[in-house]
Amino acid sequence: MTAEVQLRSTLVCPHCGHQATETMPTDACLYFYDCLGCGRMLKPKYGDCCVFCSYADVPCPPIQVDGKACCG
């Protein structure tokens, strides 16, 4: 049995704590994200493939499926 991939994830800004629920892309990674609270641009932490893997409650779809990064 395979778990269903979740496409909605809540990003939490590490600078101001603002939370925004976004739909994750399935065909590309989201490397930059402008916080809707403070306006700062978020980038993935070192070793993470995208902002969802760094700052959200659900990792990106490729990580959910097979544990491999969405960007090479």
PDB file of N, CA and C in Angstrom:
ATOM      1  N   MET A   1       0.843  -1.184   0.000  1.00  0.00           N
ATOM      2  CA  MET A   1       0.000   0.000   0.000  1.00  0.00           C
ATOM      3  C   MET A   1       0.887   1.245   0.000  1.00  0.00           C
ATOM      4  N   THR A   2       0.633   2.163  -0.934  1.00  0.00           N
ATOM      5  CA  THR A   2       1.411   3.385  -1.055  1.00  0.00           C
ATOM      6  C   THR A   2       0.615   4.554  -0.486  1.00  0.00           C
ATOM      7  N   ALA A   3       1.277   5.359   0.319  1.00  0.00           N
ATOM      8  CA  ALA A   3       0.615   6.532   0.893  1.00  0.00           C
ATOM      9  C   ALA A   3       0.365   7.567  -0.201  1.00  0.00           C
ATOM     10  N   GLU A   4      -0.736   8.288  -0.084  1.00  0.00           N
ATOM     11  CA  GLU A   4      -1.068   9.326  -1.044  1.00  0.00           C
ATOM     12  C   GLU A   4      -0.161  10.536  -0.831  1.00  0.00           C
ATOM     13  N   VAL A   5       0.310  11.100  -1.920  1.00  0.00           N
ATOM     14  CA  VAL A   5       1.183  12.276  -1.851  1.00  0.00           C
ATOM     15  C   VAL A   5       0.345  13.499  -1.492  1.00  0.00           C
ATOM     16  N   GLN A   6       0.797  14.212  -0.497  1.00  0.00           N
ATOM     17  CA  GLN A   6       0.128  15.451  -0.093  1.00  0.00           C
ATOM     18  C   GLN A   6       0.710  16.617  -0.886  1.00  0.00           C
ATOM     19  N   LEU A   7      -0.159  17.423  -1.456  1.00  0.00           N
ATOM     20  CA  LEU A   7       0.296  18.548  -2.268  1.00  0.00           C
ATOM     21  C   LEU A   7       0.175  19.887  -1.558  1.00  0.00           C
ATOM     22  N   ARG A   8      -0.484  19.933  -0.418  1.00  0.00           N
ATOM     23  CA  ARG A   8      -0.614  21.170   0.355  1.00  0.00           C
ATOM     24  C   ARG A   8       0.310  21.098   1.562  1.00  0.00           C
ATOM     25  N   SER A   9       1.003  22.191   1.808  1.00  0.00           N
ATOM     26  CA  SER A   9       1.954  22.236   2.911  1.00  0.00           C
ATOM     27  C   SER A   9       1.962  23.650   3.482  1.00  0.00           C
ATOM     28  N   THR A  10       2.170  23.751   4.785  1.00  0.00           N
ATOM     29  CA  THR A  10       2.185  25.056   5.432  1.00  0.00           C
ATOM     30  C   THR A  10       3.622  25.486   5.706  1.00  0.00           C
ATOM     31  N   LEU A  11       4.011  26.557   5.040  1.00  0.00           N
ATOM     32  CA  LEU A  11       5.338  27.143   5.237  1.00  0.00           C
ATOM     33  C   LEU A  11       5.303  28.062   6.447  1.00  0.00           C
ATOM     34  N   VAL A  12       6.360  28.006   7.267  1.00  0.00           N
ATOM     35  CA  VAL A  12       6.481  28.886   8.427  1.00  0.00           C
ATOM     36  C   VAL A  12       7.785  29.672   8.273  1.00  0.00           C
ATOM     37  N   CYS A  13       7.659  30.976   8.212  1.00  0.00           N
ATOM     38  CA  CYS A  13       8.834  31.828   8.050  1.00  0.00           C
ATOM     39  C   CYS A  13       9.704  31.766   9.309  1.00  0.00           C
ATOM     40  N   PRO A  14      10.997  31.481   9.154  1.00  0.00           N
ATOM     41  CA  PRO A  14      11.886  31.429  10.315  1.00  0.00           C
ATOM     42  C   PRO A  14      12.206  32.812  10.888  1.00  0.00           C
ATOM     43  N   HIS A  15      11.865  33.854  10.144  1.00  0.00           N
ATOM     44  CA  HIS A  15      12.183  35.217  10.576  1.00  0.00           C
ATOM     45  C   HIS A  15      11.049  35.860  11.371  1.00  0.00           C
ATOM     46  N   CYS A  16       9.799  35.681  10.899  1.00  0.00           N
ATOM     47  CA  CYS A  16       8.675  36.359  11.551  1.00  0.00           C
ATOM     48  C   CYS A  16       7.593  35.400  12.060  1.00  0.00           C
ATOM     49  N   GLY A  17       7.690  34.114  11.678  1.00  0.00           N
ATOM     50  CA  GLY A  17       6.714  33.138  12.143  1.00  0.00           C
ATOM     51  C   GLY A  17       5.426  33.093  11.334  1.00  0.00           C
ATOM     52  N   HIS A  18       5.320  33.912  10.294  1.00  0.00           N
ATOM     53  CA  HIS A  18       4.113  33.908   9.456  1.00  0.00           C
ATOM     54  C   HIS A  18       3.925  32.527   8.839  1.00  0.00           C
ATOM     55  N   GLN A  19       2.678  32.075   8.782  1.00  0.00           N
ATOM     56  CA  GLN A  19       2.350  30.778   8.203  1.00  0.00           C
ATOM     57  C   GLN A  19       1.492  30.974   6.962  1.00  0.00           C
ATOM     58  N   ALA A  20       1.800  30.213   5.910  1.00  0.00           N
ATOM     59  CA  ALA A  20       1.024  30.259   4.674  1.00  0.00           C
ATOM     60  C   ALA A  20       0.924  28.850   4.117  1.00  0.00           C
ATOM     61  N   THR A  21      -0.295  28.417   3.838  1.00  0.00           N
ATOM     62  CA  THR A  21      -0.504  27.100   3.242  1.00  0.00           C
ATOM     63  C   THR A  21      -0.488  27.260   1.735  1.00  0.00           C
ATOM     64  N   GLU A  22       0.390  26.491   1.090  1.00  0.00           N
ATOM     65  CA  GLU A  22       0.601  26.599  -0.354  1.00  0.00           C
ATOM     66  C   GLU A  22       0.487  25.226  -1.003  1.00  0.00           C
ATOM     67  N   THR A  23       0.200  25.225  -2.296  1.00  0.00           N
ATOM     68  CA  THR A  23       0.195  23.998  -3.082  1.00  0.00           C
ATOM     69  C   THR A  23       1.588  23.812  -3.662  1.00  0.00           C
ATOM     70  N   MET A  24       2.160  22.641  -3.431  1.00  0.00           N
ATOM     71  CA  MET A  24       3.515  22.369  -3.910  1.00  0.00           C
ATOM     72  C   MET A  24       3.485  21.944  -5.373  1.00  0.00           C
ATOM     73  N   PRO A  25       4.452  22.407  -6.157  1.00  0.00           N
ATOM     74  CA  PRO A  25       4.527  21.952  -7.549  1.00  0.00           C
ATOM     75  C   PRO A  25       4.975  20.498  -7.602  1.00  0.00           C
ATOM     76  N   THR A  26       4.508  19.788  -8.608  1.00  0.00           N
ATOM     77  CA  THR A  26       4.909  18.383  -8.767  1.00  0.00           C
ATOM     78  C   THR A  26       5.948  18.219  -9.868  1.00  0.00           C
ATOM     79  N   ASP A  27       6.175  19.277 -10.658  1.00  0.00           N
ATOM     80  CA  ASP A  27       7.081  19.162 -11.795  1.00  0.00           C
ATOM     81  C   ASP A  27       8.313  20.053 -11.685  1.00  0.00           C
ATOM     82  N   ALA A  28       8.478  20.729 -10.548  1.00  0.00           N
ATOM     83  CA  ALA A  28       9.637  21.602 -10.352  1.00  0.00           C
ATOM     84  C   ALA A  28       9.800  21.858  -8.861  1.00  0.00           C
ATOM     85  N   CYS A  29      10.995  22.272  -8.476  1.00  0.00           N
ATOM     86  CA  CYS A  29      11.188  22.610  -7.069  1.00  0.00           C
ATOM     87  C   CYS A  29      10.958  24.101  -6.870  1.00  0.00           C
ATOM     88  N   LEU A  30      10.637  24.462  -5.664  1.00  0.00           N
ATOM     89  CA  LEU A  30      10.446  25.866  -5.319  1.00  0.00           C
ATOM     90  C   LEU A  30      11.645  26.260  -4.463  1.00  0.00           C
ATOM     91  N   TYR A  31      12.609  26.902  -5.099  1.00  0.00           N
ATOM     92  CA  TYR A  31      13.847  27.230  -4.420  1.00  0.00           C
ATOM     93  C   TYR A  31      13.758  28.555  -3.666  1.00  0.00           C
ATOM     94  N   PHE A  32      12.939  29.488  -4.172  1.00  0.00           N
ATOM     95  CA  PHE A  32      12.763  30.778  -3.522  1.00  0.00           C
ATOM     96  C   PHE A  32      11.296  30.972  -3.168  1.00  0.00           C
ATOM     97  N   TYR A  33      11.051  31.621  -2.028  1.00  0.00           N
ATOM     98  CA  TYR A  33       9.685  31.925  -1.609  1.00  0.00           C
ATOM     99  C   TYR A  33       9.706  33.235  -0.838  1.00  0.00           C
ATOM    100  N   ASP A  34       8.879  34.180  -1.253  1.00  0.00           N
ATOM    101  CA  ASP A  34       8.783  35.460  -0.554  1.00  0.00           C
ATOM    102  C   ASP A  34       7.749  35.339   0.550  1.00  0.00           C
ATOM    103  N   CYS A  35       8.176  35.556   1.800  1.00  0.00           N
ATOM    104  CA  CYS A  35       7.279  35.490   2.943  1.00  0.00           C
ATOM    105  C   CYS A  35       6.197  36.553   2.801  1.00  0.00           C
ATOM    106  N   LEU A  36       4.949  36.143   3.005  1.00  0.00           N
ATOM    107  CA  LEU A  36       3.829  37.071   2.904  1.00  0.00           C
ATOM    108  C   LEU A  36       3.690  37.931   4.161  1.00  0.00           C
ATOM    109  N   GLY A  37       4.446  37.589   5.205  1.00  0.00           N
ATOM    110  CA  GLY A  37       4.400  38.354   6.444  1.00  0.00           C
ATOM    111  C   GLY A  37       5.422  39.475   6.478  1.00  0.00           C
ATOM    112  N   CYS A  38       6.695  39.119   6.325  1.00  0.00           N
ATOM    113  CA  CYS A  38       7.764  40.117   6.448  1.00  0.00           C
ATOM    114  C   CYS A  38       8.413  40.479   5.117  1.00  0.00           C
ATOM    115  N   GLY A  39       8.096  39.730   4.054  1.00  0.00           N
ATOM    116  CA  GLY A  39       8.637  40.049   2.738  1.00  0.00           C
ATOM    117  C   GLY A  39      10.021  39.494   2.459  1.00  0.00           C
ATOM    118  N   ARG A  40      10.629  38.816   3.426  1.00  0.00           N
ATOM    119  CA  ARG A  40      11.970  38.271   3.193  1.00  0.00           C
ATOM    120  C   ARG A  40      11.901  37.059   2.273  1.00  0.00           C
ATOM    121  N   MET A  41      12.943  36.924   1.455  1.00  0.00           N
ATOM    122  CA  MET A  41      13.008  35.788   0.551  1.00  0.00           C
ATOM    123  C   MET A  41      13.611  34.586   1.287  1.00  0.00           C
ATOM    124  N   LEU A  42      12.871  33.485   1.289  1.00  0.00           N
ATOM    125  CA  LEU A  42      13.373  32.253   1.901  1.00  0.00           C
ATOM    126  C   LEU A  42      14.064  31.418   0.842  1.00  0.00           C
ATOM    127  N   LYS A  43      15.159  30.790   1.238  1.00  0.00           N
ATOM    128  CA  LYS A  43      15.890  29.839   0.404  1.00  0.00           C
ATOM    129  C   LYS A  43      16.043  28.568   1.233  1.00  0.00           C
ATOM    130  N   PRO A  44      16.208  27.425   0.581  1.00  0.00           N
ATOM    131  CA  PRO A  44      16.368  26.178   1.340  1.00  0.00           C
ATOM    132  C   PRO A  44      17.599  26.222   2.243  1.00  0.00           C
ATOM    133  N   LYS A  45      17.505  25.521   3.359  1.00  0.00           N
ATOM    134  CA  LYS A  45      18.667  25.344   4.228  1.00  0.00           C
ATOM    135  C   LYS A  45      19.668  24.459   3.502  1.00  0.00           C
ATOM    136  N   TYR A  46      20.925  24.575   3.892  1.00  0.00           N
ATOM    137  CA  TYR A  46      21.969  23.761   3.285  1.00  0.00           C
ATOM    138  C   TYR A  46      21.579  22.287   3.375  1.00  0.00           C
ATOM    139  N   GLY A  47      21.640  21.585   2.260  1.00  0.00           N
ATOM    140  CA  GLY A  47      21.328  20.160   2.204  1.00  0.00           C
ATOM    141  C   GLY A  47      19.883  19.840   1.854  1.00  0.00           C
ATOM    142  N   ASP A  48      18.997  20.840   1.903  1.00  0.00           N
ATOM    143  CA  ASP A  48      17.608  20.626   1.519  1.00  0.00           C
ATOM    144  C   ASP A  48      17.424  21.017   0.060  1.00  0.00           C
ATOM    145  N   CYS A  49      16.445  20.391  -0.590  1.00  0.00           N
ATOM    146  CA  CYS A  49      16.257  20.635  -2.021  1.00  0.00           C
ATOM    147  C   CYS A  49      15.337  21.799  -2.326  1.00  0.00           C
ATOM    148  N   CYS A  50      14.466  22.176  -1.376  1.00  0.00           N
ATOM    149  CA  CYS A  50      13.524  23.258  -1.653  1.00  0.00           C
ATOM    150  C   CYS A  50      13.040  23.870  -0.346  1.00  0.00           C
ATOM    151  N   VAL A  51      12.291  24.974  -0.451  1.00  0.00           N
ATOM    152  CA  VAL A  51      11.815  25.656   0.751  1.00  0.00           C
ATOM    153  C   VAL A  51      10.817  24.815   1.534  1.00  0.00           C
ATOM    154  N   PHE A  52      10.076  23.934   0.863  1.00  0.00           N
ATOM    155  CA  PHE A  52       9.130  23.084   1.578  1.00  0.00           C
ATOM    156  C   PHE A  52       9.867  22.100   2.491  1.00  0.00           C
ATOM    157  N   CYS A  53      10.968  21.586   2.033  1.00  0.00           N
ATOM    158  CA  CYS A  53      11.738  20.636   2.855  1.00  0.00           C
ATOM    159  C   CYS A  53      12.404  21.342   4.039  1.00  0.00           C
ATOM    160  N   SER A  54      12.633  22.638   3.918  1.00  0.00           N
ATOM    161  CA  SER A  54      13.280  23.392   4.993  1.00  0.00           C
ATOM    162  C   SER A  54      12.306  24.021   5.986  1.00  0.00           C
ATOM    163  N   TYR A  55      11.182  24.529   5.500  1.00  0.00           N
ATOM    164  CA  TYR A  55      10.341  25.369   6.355  1.00  0.00           C
ATOM    165  C   TYR A  55       8.871  24.963   6.433  1.00  0.00           C
ATOM    166  N   ALA A  56       8.502  23.826   5.893  1.00  0.00           N
ATOM    167  CA  ALA A  56       7.087  23.453   5.869  1.00  0.00           C
ATOM    168  C   ALA A  56       6.813  22.180   6.668  1.00  0.00           C
ATOM    169  N   ASP A  57       5.535  21.948   6.909  1.00  0.00           N
ATOM    170  CA  ASP A  57       5.144  20.780   7.700  1.00  0.00           C
ATOM    171  C   ASP A  57       5.062  19.498   6.879  1.00  0.00           C
ATOM    172  N   VAL A  58       5.065  19.620   5.543  1.00  0.00           N
ATOM    173  CA  VAL A  58       5.050  18.460   4.653  1.00  0.00           C
ATOM    174  C   VAL A  58       6.160  18.672   3.628  1.00  0.00           C
ATOM    175  N   PRO A  59       7.063  17.701   3.446  1.00  0.00           N
ATOM    176  CA  PRO A  59       8.127  17.856   2.452  1.00  0.00           C
ATOM    177  C   PRO A  59       7.581  17.787   1.027  1.00  0.00           C
ATOM    178  N   CYS A  60       8.385  18.165   0.064  1.00  0.00           N
ATOM    179  CA  CYS A  60       7.968  18.192  -1.335  1.00  0.00           C
ATOM    180  C   CYS A  60       7.577  16.793  -1.833  1.00  0.00           C
ATOM    181  N   PRO A  61       6.754  16.718  -2.900  1.00  0.00           N
ATOM    182  CA  PRO A  61       6.286  15.427  -3.401  1.00  0.00           C
ATOM    183  C   PRO A  61       7.379  14.399  -3.710  1.00  0.00           C
ATOM    184  N   PRO A  62       8.497  14.766  -4.376  1.00  0.00           N
ATOM    185  CA  PRO A  62       9.514  13.733  -4.631  1.00  0.00           C
ATOM    186  C   PRO A  62      10.099  13.125  -3.349  1.00  0.00           C
ATOM    187  N   ILE A  63      10.280  13.922  -2.316  1.00  0.00           N
ATOM    188  CA  ILE A  63      10.788  13.405  -1.045  1.00  0.00           C
ATOM    189  C   ILE A  63       9.747  12.470  -0.420  1.00  0.00           C
ATOM    190  N   GLN A  64       8.467  12.831  -0.523  1.00  0.00           N
ATOM    191  CA  GLN A  64       7.404  11.984   0.007  1.00  0.00           C
ATOM    192  C   GLN A  64       7.372  10.627  -0.688  1.00  0.00           C
ATOM    193  N   VAL A  65       7.594  10.623  -2.009  1.00  0.00           N
ATOM    194  CA  VAL A  65       7.485   9.399  -2.798  1.00  0.00           C
ATOM    195  C   VAL A  65       8.675   8.470  -2.601  1.00  0.00           C
ATOM    196  N   ASP A  66       9.880   8.999  -2.794  1.00  0.00           N
ATOM    197  CA  ASP A  66      11.029   8.085  -2.777  1.00  0.00           C
ATOM    198  C   ASP A  66      12.227   8.602  -2.003  1.00  0.00           C
ATOM    199  N   GLY A  67      12.079   9.724  -1.327  1.00  0.00           N
ATOM    200  CA  GLY A  67      13.170  10.242  -0.515  1.00  0.00           C
ATOM    201  C   GLY A  67      14.266  10.931  -1.312  1.00  0.00           C
ATOM    202  N   LYS A  68      14.055  11.102  -2.613  1.00  0.00           N
ATOM    203  CA  LYS A  68      15.063  11.746  -3.448  1.00  0.00           C
ATOM    204  C   LYS A  68      14.685  13.202  -3.683  1.00  0.00           C
ATOM    205  N   ALA A  69      15.684  14.043  -3.716  1.00  0.00           N
ATOM    206  CA  ALA A  69      15.477  15.476  -3.903  1.00  0.00           C
ATOM    207  C   ALA A  69      14.791  15.787  -5.217  1.00  0.00           C
ATOM    208  N   CYS A  70      14.003  16.871  -5.217  1.00  0.00           N
ATOM    209  CA  CYS A  70      13.294  17.254  -6.423  1.00  0.00           C
ATOM    210  C   CYS A  70      14.199  17.936  -7.437  1.00  0.00           C
ATOM    211  N   CYS A  71      15.334  18.431  -7.014  1.00  0.00           N
ATOM    212  CA  CYS A  71      16.273  19.096  -7.927  1.00  0.00           C
ATOM    213  C   CYS A  71      17.623  18.406  -7.827  1.00  0.00           C
ATOM    214  N   GLY A  72      18.269  18.312  -8.940  1.00  0.00           N
ATOM    215  CA  GLY A  72      19.559  17.648  -8.947  1.00  0.00           C
ATOM    216  C   GLY A  72      20.705  18.584  -9.038  1.00  0.00           C
TER     217      GLY A  72
END
